[in-house]
Amino acid sequence: MNHFGWKFPGKSVVQTTSVPGRIRVYGGQVTVDAGVTLKAVVERLAIENRELPVTPNFSWISMGTCFFVPVHG
């Protein structure tokens, strides 16, 4: 794997992008599975009249990516 110049030889890489997952909204909290895209989370929160405090300009990335890799833009 080579992601932004980082190499992980001999490691397993698990795909999370576009893997179906659940989005759970309750109270002031949202919990999502790693494969859910940022776009799906934004759309689901809009139904609840909520939004993320900051949203990077990359709607196609998975929430797992947002957690493990610095995302900005």
Protein backbone atom coordinates (compact mmCIF):
# COMPACT_ATOMS: atom_id res chain seq x y z
CA MET A 1 0.00 0.00 0.00
CA ASN A 2 1.16 3.51 -0.72
CA HIS A 3 -1.06 6.28 0.64
CA PHE A 4 0.27 9.83 0.52
CA GLY A 5 3.79 8.40 0.35
CA TRP A 6 3.36 6.09 3.33
CA LYS A 7 4.22 2.44 2.69
CA PHE A 8 3.04 -0.53 4.71
CA PRO A 9 4.90 -3.58 3.38
CA GLY A 10 3.63 -6.91 4.65
CA LYS A 11 0.48 -5.36 6.10
CA SER A 12 -3.16 -6.08 5.31
CA VAL A 13 -5.21 -3.25 3.85
CA VAL A 14 -8.95 -3.34 4.43
CA GLN A 15 -11.17 -1.46 1.98
CA THR A 16 -13.69 0.78 3.69
CA THR A 17 -14.80 3.07 0.84
CA SER A 18 -18.28 2.33 -0.54
CA VAL A 19 -18.81 -0.57 1.86
CA PRO A 20 -22.42 -0.41 3.07
CA GLY A 21 -22.77 0.64 6.66
CA ARG A 22 -25.13 2.12 9.20
CA ILE A 23 -25.56 5.71 10.32
CA ARG A 24 -27.10 6.13 13.77
CA VAL A 25 -28.20 9.56 14.98
CA TYR A 26 -29.38 9.98 18.56
CA GLY A 27 -29.35 13.06 20.71
CA GLY A 28 -26.31 15.15 19.89
CA GLN A 29 -24.31 12.16 18.70
CA VAL A 30 -23.83 10.32 15.40
CA THR A 31 -22.22 6.89 15.09
CA VAL A 32 -21.29 5.47 11.70
CA ASP A 33 -19.65 2.36 10.31
CA ALA A 34 -16.21 2.96 8.78
CA GLY A 35 -17.33 2.38 5.18
CA VAL A 36 -20.03 5.04 5.17
CA THR A 37 -19.08 7.99 2.97
CA LEU A 38 -18.86 11.52 4.26
CA LYS A 39 -21.55 12.49 1.74
CA ALA A 40 -23.97 9.90 3.17
CA VAL A 41 -23.39 11.24 6.70
CA VAL A 42 -23.98 14.85 5.60
CA GLU A 43 -27.20 13.83 3.82
CA ARG A 44 -28.47 11.81 6.80
CA LEU A 45 -27.73 14.62 9.25
CA ALA A 46 -29.59 17.09 7.01
CA ILE A 47 -32.75 15.00 7.50
CA GLU A 48 -32.36 15.58 11.24
CA ASN A 49 -31.68 19.31 10.64
CA ARG A 50 -28.11 18.81 11.87
CA GLU A 51 -24.67 19.21 10.35
CA LEU A 52 -21.04 18.49 11.10
CA PRO A 53 -19.14 21.42 12.64
CA VAL A 54 -16.53 21.22 9.85
CA THR A 55 -16.89 19.35 6.56
CA PRO A 56 -13.93 18.78 4.25
CA ASN A 57 -14.50 19.15 0.52
CA PHE A 58 -14.17 15.42 -0.15
CA SER A 59 -17.65 13.86 -0.04
CA TRP A 60 -16.57 10.52 -1.53
CA ILE A 61 -14.17 9.48 1.24
CA SER A 62 -15.18 7.03 3.92
CA MET A 63 -15.57 7.94 7.56
CA GLY A 64 -12.86 5.38 8.35
CA THR A 65 -10.48 7.42 6.23
CA CYS A 66 -11.51 10.60 8.07
CA PHE A 67 -10.66 8.92 11.36
CA PHE A 68 -7.25 7.53 10.44
CA VAL A 69 -5.87 10.06 7.92
CA PRO A 70 -5.78 13.83 8.36
CA VAL A 71 -8.49 15.17 6.04
CA HIS A 72 -8.76 18.85 5.20
CA GLY A 73 -10.04 21.08 2.45
